[in-house]
Amino acid sequence: MDRTSTDVIPAQDGDYLTRATFNYPYTFQSFMRQSSGATVNVVMRAVSGLTAEQAVNRPEWQTNPNCNIAFLMYGLNDTWTGVTIDSYMSSMETLIRRFIDWGMGVVVLTPASGGQGLTNGLAQIYGQRIKNLAKVYGCAHFDAHEAQYNRIFGVVQSDDTHFNSAGYSQLGVQIASMVMAGGLLEEYSPVSSERQTWPGKQDSSIGYCDAAGNMVIPPFLAEVNSRT
């Protein structure tokens, strides 16, 4: 949701509020296509202002979207409206189990709030609990709240809670980077070093050992090499 920036666009995907021109699901889609060449198509069912329980009961989420991965982030509206943590956890568990039953992988995101959480500290407590629940169900976890750390509020936010195009696009790029780096795996080893080996031959004559036979050698060089 973005109601104040100069580049807001009309509501889309079943929402009722204006949005930033760039939001993180569609940025994730475009960055994945650009960086990996993979075919990525987003099915957007997020609606502004919903709690986790409202998402559970929303008509759109009663049918399987036939996606490979679900990115799940709720919590801010739950804390703002006084939803207890037990009720929140129950609704999130229902959503996770529903996605798994549909054959989808699940990435659980901690609630991302502007001001680095200064306006809603309770959401960070809910976020820690949902991180633990993700581990129980073997889901990947992404700390979306940390995506804007060390950034100037006025650059990435549209108000005290929501982000603008700069903030949402940064979040989308970071989620895509996590996926491409192997973050969906339960255990993975990031690249720490790289080594390249180029086999060849060196002596007092002019020549080269084309062990793989994959070099195109000009005829006059081939003749010279045959004499060495």
C-alpha atoms as a PDB file:
ATOM      1  CA  MET A   1       0.000   0.000   0.000  1.00  0.00           C
ATOM      2  CA  ASP A   2       1.193   3.508  -0.843  1.00  0.00           C
ATOM      3  CA  ARG A   3      -1.131   6.482  -0.578  1.00  0.00           C
ATOM      4  CA  THR A   4       1.293   9.401  -0.457  1.00  0.00           C
ATOM      5  CA  SER A   5       4.098   8.985  -3.015  1.00  0.00           C
ATOM      6  CA  THR A   6       4.045  10.840  -6.324  1.00  0.00           C
ATOM      7  CA  ASP A   7       4.232   7.612  -8.353  1.00  0.00           C
ATOM      8  CA  VAL A   8       1.312   5.702  -6.834  1.00  0.00           C
ATOM      9  CA  ILE A   9      -0.778   3.570  -9.181  1.00  0.00           C
ATOM     10  CA  PRO A  10      -4.447   2.538  -8.965  1.00  0.00           C
ATOM     11  CA  ALA A  11      -5.474  -0.497  -6.937  1.00  0.00           C
ATOM     12  CA  GLN A  12      -4.809  -3.823  -8.668  1.00  0.00           C
ATOM     13  CA  ASP A  13      -5.052  -7.583  -8.095  1.00  0.00           C
ATOM     14  CA  GLY A  14      -8.263  -7.296  -6.085  1.00  0.00           C
ATOM     15  CA  ASP A  15      -6.924  -4.658  -3.690  1.00  0.00           C
ATOM     16  CA  TYR A  16      -8.821  -1.481  -2.893  1.00  0.00           C
ATOM     17  CA  LEU A  17      -5.988   0.959  -2.096  1.00  0.00           C
ATOM     18  CA  THR A  18      -3.399   2.613  -4.299  1.00  0.00           C
ATOM     19  CA  ARG A  19       0.035   1.021  -4.529  1.00  0.00           C
ATOM     20  CA  ALA A  20       3.614   1.976  -5.175  1.00  0.00           C
ATOM     21  CA  THR A  21       4.616   1.665  -8.827  1.00  0.00           C
ATOM     22  CA  PHE A  22       7.096  -1.022  -7.814  1.00  0.00           C
ATOM     23  CA  ASN A  23       6.062  -3.577  -5.201  1.00  0.00           C
ATOM     24  CA  TYR A  24       8.109  -6.497  -3.981  1.00  0.00           C
ATOM     25  CA  PRO A  25       6.226  -9.435  -5.596  1.00  0.00           C
ATOM     26  CA  TYR A  26       6.492  -7.998  -9.110  1.00  0.00           C
ATOM     27  CA  THR A  27      10.047  -6.807  -8.492  1.00  0.00           C
ATOM     28  CA  PHE A  28      10.865 -10.363  -7.414  1.00  0.00           C
ATOM     29  CA  GLN A  29       9.362 -11.611 -10.680  1.00  0.00           C
ATOM     30  CA  SER A  30      11.267  -9.210 -12.941  1.00  0.00           C
ATOM     31  CA  PHE A  31      14.591  -9.552 -11.101  1.00  0.00           C
ATOM     32  CA  MET A  32      14.413 -13.348 -11.155  1.00  0.00           C
ATOM     33  CA  ARG A  33      13.718 -13.322 -14.897  1.00  0.00           C
ATOM     34  CA  GLN A  34      16.543 -10.873 -15.542  1.00  0.00           C
ATOM     35  CA  SER A  35      19.170 -12.480 -13.304  1.00  0.00           C
ATOM     36  CA  SER A  36      18.470 -16.195 -13.665  1.00  0.00           C
ATOM     37  CA  GLY A  37      16.564 -16.546 -16.921  1.00  0.00           C
ATOM     38  CA  ALA A  38      13.940 -18.592 -15.078  1.00  0.00           C
ATOM     39  CA  THR A  39      10.280 -18.286 -15.985  1.00  0.00           C
ATOM     40  CA  VAL A  40       8.596 -16.673 -12.984  1.00  0.00           C
ATOM     41  CA  ASN A  41       4.924 -15.687 -12.877  1.00  0.00           C
ATOM     42  CA  VAL A  42       3.425 -14.098  -9.783  1.00  0.00           C
ATOM     43  CA  VAL A  43      -0.098 -14.816  -8.552  1.00  0.00           C
ATOM     44  CA  MET A  44      -0.936 -11.876  -6.292  1.00  0.00           C
ATOM     45  CA  ARG A  45      -3.549 -12.437  -3.600  1.00  0.00           C
ATOM     46  CA  ALA A  46      -2.349  -9.951  -1.018  1.00  0.00           C
ATOM     47  CA  VAL A  47      -4.873  -7.313   0.022  1.00  0.00           C
ATOM     48  CA  SER A  48      -4.098  -4.266   2.134  1.00  0.00           C
ATOM     49  CA  GLY A  49      -5.224  -4.232   5.753  1.00  0.00           C
ATOM     50  CA  LEU A  50      -5.872  -7.953   6.250  1.00  0.00           C
ATOM     51  CA  THR A  51      -5.031  -9.953   9.339  1.00  0.00           C
ATOM     52  CA  ALA A  52      -3.880 -13.558   9.097  1.00  0.00           C
ATOM     53  CA  GLU A  53      -7.336 -14.814  10.105  1.00  0.00           C
ATOM     54  CA  GLN A  54      -9.021 -12.696   7.430  1.00  0.00           C
ATOM     55  CA  ALA A  55      -6.612 -14.170   4.885  1.00  0.00           C
ATOM     56  CA  VAL A  56      -7.546 -17.696   5.987  1.00  0.00           C
ATOM     57  CA  ASN A  57     -11.226 -16.990   5.366  1.00  0.00           C
ATOM     58  CA  ARG A  58     -10.858 -14.912   2.208  1.00  0.00           C
ATOM     59  CA  PRO A  59     -12.613 -16.592  -0.774  1.00  0.00           C
ATOM     60  CA  GLU A  60      -9.551 -16.374  -3.027  1.00  0.00           C
ATOM     61  CA  TRP A  61      -7.501 -18.507  -0.649  1.00  0.00           C
ATOM     62  CA  GLN A  62      -9.957 -21.399  -0.689  1.00  0.00           C
ATOM     63  CA  THR A  63      -8.672 -22.531  -4.103  1.00  0.00           C
ATOM     64  CA  ASN A  64      -5.226 -23.806  -5.050  1.00  0.00           C
ATOM     65  CA  PRO A  65      -3.301 -21.202  -7.114  1.00  0.00           C
ATOM     66  CA  ASN A  66      -1.115 -24.020  -8.518  1.00  0.00           C
ATOM     67  CA  CYS A  67       2.111 -22.227  -7.655  1.00  0.00           C
ATOM     68  CA  ASN A  68       5.456 -23.688  -6.663  1.00  0.00           C
ATOM     69  CA  ILE A  69       6.157 -21.325  -3.778  1.00  0.00           C
ATOM     70  CA  ALA A  70       4.029 -19.222  -1.441  1.00  0.00           C
ATOM     71  CA  PHE A  71       5.547 -16.127   0.154  1.00  0.00           C
ATOM     72  CA  LEU A  72       3.641 -15.485   3.366  1.00  0.00           C
ATOM     73  CA  MET A  73       3.798 -12.263   5.387  1.00  0.00           C
ATOM     74  CA  TYR A  74       1.169 -11.215   7.907  1.00  0.00           C
ATOM     75  CA  GLY A  75       1.438  -9.663  11.343  1.00  0.00           C
ATOM     76  CA  LEU A  76       1.384  -5.882  11.196  1.00  0.00           C
ATOM     77  CA  ASN A  77      -2.390  -5.558  10.946  1.00  0.00           C
ATOM     78  CA  ASP A  78      -2.793  -8.278  13.562  1.00  0.00           C
ATOM     79  CA  THR A  79      -0.793  -6.286  16.097  1.00  0.00           C
ATOM     80  CA  TRP A  80      -2.422  -2.974  15.168  1.00  0.00           C
ATOM     81  CA  THR A  81      -5.941  -4.402  15.643  1.00  0.00           C
ATOM     82  CA  GLY A  82      -5.269  -6.275  18.885  1.00  0.00           C
ATOM     83  CA  VAL A  83      -5.239  -9.853  17.570  1.00  0.00           C
ATOM     84  CA  THR A  84      -3.674 -12.064  20.235  1.00  0.00           C
ATOM     85  CA  ILE A  85      -0.467 -13.864  19.425  1.00  0.00           C
ATOM     86  CA  ASP A  86      -2.177 -17.237  19.942  1.00  0.00           C
ATOM     87  CA  SER A  87      -4.870 -16.385  17.396  1.00  0.00           C
ATOM     88  CA  TYR A  88      -2.248 -15.053  14.998  1.00  0.00           C
ATOM     89  CA  MET A  89      -0.127 -18.183  15.272  1.00  0.00           C
ATOM     90  CA  SER A  90      -3.157 -20.419  14.756  1.00  0.00           C
ATOM     91  CA  SER A  91      -4.133 -18.589  11.564  1.00  0.00           C
ATOM     92  CA  MET A  92      -0.579 -18.629  10.218  1.00  0.00           C
ATOM     93  CA  GLU A  93      -0.318 -22.349  10.909  1.00  0.00           C
ATOM     94  CA  THR A  94      -3.568 -22.904   9.012  1.00  0.00           C
ATOM     95  CA  LEU A  95      -2.193 -21.031   6.009  1.00  0.00           C
ATOM     96  CA  ILE A  96       1.126 -22.892   6.080  1.00  0.00           C
ATOM     97  CA  ARG A  97      -0.573 -26.282   6.299  1.00  0.00           C
ATOM     98  CA  ARG A  98      -2.981 -25.321   3.517  1.00  0.00           C
ATOM     99  CA  PHE A  99      -0.141 -24.355   1.179  1.00  0.00           C
ATOM    100  CA  ILE A 100       1.786 -27.526   1.983  1.00  0.00           C
ATOM    101  CA  ASP A 101      -1.322 -29.637   1.321  1.00  0.00           C
ATOM    102  CA  TRP A 102      -1.559 -27.928  -2.066  1.00  0.00           C
ATOM    103  CA  GLY A 103       1.971 -29.073  -2.848  1.00  0.00           C
ATOM    104  CA  MET A 104       3.610 -25.678  -2.464  1.00  0.00           C
ATOM    105  CA  GLY A 105       6.843 -24.712  -0.797  1.00  0.00           C
ATOM    106  CA  VAL A 106       6.424 -21.944   1.768  1.00  0.00           C
ATOM    107  CA  VAL A 107       8.670 -18.993   2.562  1.00  0.00           C
ATOM    108  CA  VAL A 108       7.643 -17.231   5.765  1.00  0.00           C
ATOM    109  CA  LEU A 109       8.558 -13.543   5.961  1.00  0.00           C
ATOM    110  CA  THR A 110       8.754 -11.585   9.193  1.00  0.00           C
ATOM    111  CA  PRO A 111       6.530  -8.471   9.182  1.00  0.00           C
ATOM    112  CA  ALA A 112       8.373  -5.611   7.451  1.00  0.00           C
ATOM    113  CA  SER A 113       7.594  -2.237   8.977  1.00  0.00           C
ATOM    114  CA  GLY A 114       8.894   1.259   8.346  1.00  0.00           C
ATOM    115  CA  GLY A 115      11.058   3.062  10.856  1.00  0.00           C
ATOM    116  CA  GLN A 116      12.974  -0.156  11.475  1.00  0.00           C
ATOM    117  CA  GLY A 117      10.154  -1.247  13.775  1.00  0.00           C
ATOM    118  CA  LEU A 118      10.084   1.842  15.987  1.00  0.00           C
ATOM    119  CA  THR A 119       6.349   2.333  15.470  1.00  0.00           C
ATOM    120  CA  ASN A 120       5.380  -1.297  16.109  1.00  0.00           C
ATOM    121  CA  GLY A 121       7.731  -3.264  18.336  1.00  0.00           C
ATOM    122  CA  LEU A 122       5.072  -5.908  18.989  1.00  0.00           C
ATOM    123  CA  ALA A 123       5.238  -6.993  15.352  1.00  0.00           C
ATOM    124  CA  GLN A 124       8.843  -8.048  15.883  1.00  0.00           C
ATOM    125  CA  ILE A 125       7.770 -10.356  18.706  1.00  0.00           C
ATOM    126  CA  TYR A 126       5.141 -11.888  16.440  1.00  0.00           C
ATOM    127  CA  GLY A 127       7.791 -12.168  13.748  1.00  0.00           C
ATOM    128  CA  GLN A 128      10.111 -14.142  16.009  1.00  0.00           C
ATOM    129  CA  ARG A 129       7.333 -16.556  16.892  1.00  0.00           C
ATOM    130  CA  ILE A 130       6.419 -17.122  13.248  1.00  0.00           C
ATOM    131  CA  LYS A 131      10.082 -17.778  12.491  1.00  0.00           C
ATOM    132  CA  ASN A 132       9.989 -20.620  15.009  1.00  0.00           C
ATOM    133  CA  LEU A 133       6.786 -21.983  13.448  1.00  0.00           C
ATOM    134  CA  ALA A 134       8.417 -21.940  10.017  1.00  0.00           C
ATOM    135  CA  LYS A 135      11.219 -24.111  11.372  1.00  0.00           C
ATOM    136  CA  VAL A 136       8.720 -26.625  12.769  1.00  0.00           C
ATOM    137  CA  TYR A 137       7.146 -27.110   9.327  1.00  0.00           C
ATOM    138  CA  GLY A 138      10.432 -27.073   7.441  1.00  0.00           C
ATOM    139  CA  CYS A 139       9.645 -23.789   5.703  1.00  0.00           C
ATOM    140  CA  ALA A 140      12.243 -21.334   4.506  1.00  0.00           C
ATOM    141  CA  HIS A 141      12.412 -18.085   6.445  1.00  0.00           C
ATOM    142  CA  PHE A 142      13.313 -14.579   5.297  1.00  0.00           C
ATOM    143  CA  ASP A 143      13.716 -11.667   7.700  1.00  0.00           C
ATOM    144  CA  ALA A 144      11.977  -9.031   5.599  1.00  0.00           C
ATOM    145  CA  HIS A 145      12.153  -6.551   8.448  1.00  0.00           C
ATOM    146  CA  GLU A 146      15.943  -6.325   8.136  1.00  0.00           C
ATOM    147  CA  ALA A 147      15.807  -5.430   4.429  1.00  0.00           C
ATOM    148  CA  GLN A 148      15.666  -1.693   5.193  1.00  0.00           C
ATOM    149  CA  TYR A 149      18.222  -1.555   7.990  1.00  0.00           C
ATOM    150  CA  ASN A 150      20.703   1.324   7.694  1.00  0.00           C
ATOM    151  CA  ARG A 151      18.540   3.113   5.146  1.00  0.00           C
ATOM    152  CA  ILE A 152      17.224   6.653   5.502  1.00  0.00           C
ATOM    153  CA  PHE A 153      13.529   6.482   6.364  1.00  0.00           C
ATOM    154  CA  GLY A 154      12.500   9.213   3.938  1.00  0.00           C
ATOM    155  CA  VAL A 155      14.130   7.417   1.029  1.00  0.00           C
ATOM    156  CA  VAL A 156      12.386   4.043   1.356  1.00  0.00           C
ATOM    157  CA  GLN A 157       9.111   4.859   3.169  1.00  0.00           C
ATOM    158  CA  SER A 158       5.825   6.429   2.146  1.00  0.00           C
ATOM    159  CA  ASP A 159       4.616   6.819   5.748  1.00  0.00           C
ATOM    160  CA  ASP A 160       5.529   5.570   9.233  1.00  0.00           C
ATOM    161  CA  THR A 161       4.611   1.968   8.375  1.00  0.00           C
ATOM    162  CA  HIS A 162       4.566   1.436   4.605  1.00  0.00           C
ATOM    163  CA  PHE A 163       7.317   1.635   2.012  1.00  0.00           C
ATOM    164  CA  ASN A 164       7.518   3.402  -1.335  1.00  0.00           C
ATOM    165  CA  SER A 165       8.774   2.065  -4.662  1.00  0.00           C
ATOM    166  CA  ALA A 166      12.397   2.273  -3.510  1.00  0.00           C
ATOM    167  CA  GLY A 167      11.699   0.297  -0.348  1.00  0.00           C
ATOM    168  CA  TYR A 168       9.478  -2.358  -1.901  1.00  0.00           C
ATOM    169  CA  SER A 169      11.776  -2.907  -4.885  1.00  0.00           C
ATOM    170  CA  GLN A 170      14.742  -3.362  -2.557  1.00  0.00           C
ATOM    171  CA  LEU A 171      12.773  -5.978  -0.641  1.00  0.00           C
ATOM    172  CA  GLY A 172      11.896  -7.803  -3.867  1.00  0.00           C
ATOM    173  CA  VAL A 173      15.520  -7.858  -5.020  1.00  0.00           C
ATOM    174  CA  GLN A 174      16.695  -9.235  -1.680  1.00  0.00           C
ATOM    175  CA  ILE A 175      14.093 -12.013  -1.669  1.00  0.00           C
ATOM    176  CA  ALA A 176      15.070 -12.984  -5.212  1.00  0.00           C
ATOM    177  CA  SER A 177      18.737 -12.982  -4.228  1.00  0.00           C
ATOM    178  CA  MET A 178      17.959 -15.270  -1.304  1.00  0.00           C
ATOM    179  CA  VAL A 179      16.194 -17.718  -3.613  1.00  0.00           C
ATOM    180  CA  MET A 180      18.978 -17.716  -6.212  1.00  0.00           C
ATOM    181  CA  ALA A 181      21.633 -18.158  -3.512  1.00  0.00           C
ATOM    182  CA  GLY A 182      20.068 -21.420  -2.315  1.00  0.00           C
ATOM    183  CA  GLY A 183      18.105 -20.010   0.587  1.00  0.00           C
ATOM    184  CA  LEU A 184      15.161 -22.325  -0.086  1.00  0.00           C
ATOM    185  CA  LEU A 185      17.283 -25.320   0.913  1.00  0.00           C
ATOM    186  CA  GLU A 186      17.276 -26.497   4.499  1.00  0.00           C
ATOM    187  CA  GLU A 187      21.056 -26.444   4.498  1.00  0.00           C
ATOM    188  CA  TYR A 188      23.330 -24.863   1.921  1.00  0.00           C
ATOM    189  CA  SER A 189      26.897 -23.637   1.676  1.00  0.00           C
ATOM    190  CA  PRO A 190      27.394 -20.193   0.157  1.00  0.00           C
ATOM    191  CA  VAL A 191      30.249 -19.741  -2.316  1.00  0.00           C
ATOM    192  CA  SER A 192      33.364 -18.774  -0.362  1.00  0.00           C
ATOM    193  CA  SER A 193      36.023 -19.166  -3.063  1.00  0.00           C
ATOM    194  CA  GLU A 194      36.443 -19.976  -6.738  1.00  0.00           C
ATOM    195  CA  ARG A 195      39.239 -21.805  -8.513  1.00  0.00           C
ATOM    196  CA  GLN A 196      39.895 -22.196 -12.223  1.00  0.00           C
ATOM    197  CA  THR A 197      42.350 -24.630 -13.808  1.00  0.00           C
ATOM    198  CA  TRP A 198      43.611 -24.240 -17.365  1.00  0.00           C
ATOM    199  CA  PRO A 199      45.642 -27.309 -18.446  1.00  0.00           C
ATOM    200  CA  GLY A 200      48.337 -26.786 -21.059  1.00  0.00           C
ATOM    201  CA  LYS A 201      51.897 -27.550 -22.117  1.00  0.00           C
ATOM    202  CA  GLN A 202      54.967 -25.358 -22.103  1.00  0.00           C
ATOM    203  CA  ASP A 203      58.409 -26.027 -23.627  1.00  0.00           C
ATOM    204  CA  SER A 204      61.116 -24.301 -25.703  1.00  0.00           C
ATOM    205  CA  SER A 205      59.098 -24.664 -28.900  1.00  0.00           C
ATOM    206  CA  ILE A 206      55.920 -22.922 -30.000  1.00  0.00           C
ATOM    207  CA  GLY A 207      52.941 -25.113 -29.299  1.00  0.00           C
ATOM    208  CA  TYR A 208      49.829 -25.766 -27.249  1.00  0.00           C
ATOM    209  CA  CYS A 209      48.207 -28.955 -26.059  1.00  0.00           C
ATOM    210  CA  ASP A 210      44.551 -28.885 -27.102  1.00  0.00           C
ATOM    211  CA  ALA A 211      43.506 -31.709 -24.780  1.00  0.00           C
ATOM    212  CA  ALA A 212      39.770 -31.220 -25.258  1.00  0.00           C
ATOM    213  CA  GLY A 213      40.013 -30.697 -29.012  1.00  0.00           C
ATOM    214  CA  ASN A 214      37.761 -27.679 -28.795  1.00  0.00           C
ATOM    215  CA  MET A 215      40.035 -25.012 -30.287  1.00  0.00           C
ATOM    216  CA  VAL A 216      39.929 -23.826 -33.887  1.00  0.00           C
ATOM    217  CA  ILE A 217      43.582 -23.516 -35.000  1.00  0.00           C
ATOM    218  CA  PRO A 218      44.356 -21.570 -38.202  1.00  0.00           C
ATOM    219  CA  PRO A 219      45.962 -23.784 -40.902  1.00  0.00           C
ATOM    220  CA  PHE A 220      49.328 -21.999 -40.926  1.00  0.00           C
ATOM    221  CA  LEU A 221      49.625 -22.368 -37.140  1.00  0.00           C
ATOM    222  CA  ALA A 222      48.751 -26.034 -37.403  1.00  0.00           C
ATOM    223  CA  GLU A 223      51.558 -26.455 -39.943  1.00  0.00           C
ATOM    224  CA  VAL A 224      54.050 -24.669 -37.706  1.00  0.00           C
ATOM    225  CA  ASN A 225      52.974 -26.724 -34.715  1.00  0.00           C
ATOM    226  CA  SER A 226      53.416 -29.939 -36.678  1.00  0.00           C
ATOM    227  CA  ARG A 227      57.068 -29.052 -37.267  1.00  0.00           C
ATOM    228  CA  THR A 228      57.875 -28.343 -33.626  1.00  0.00           C
END
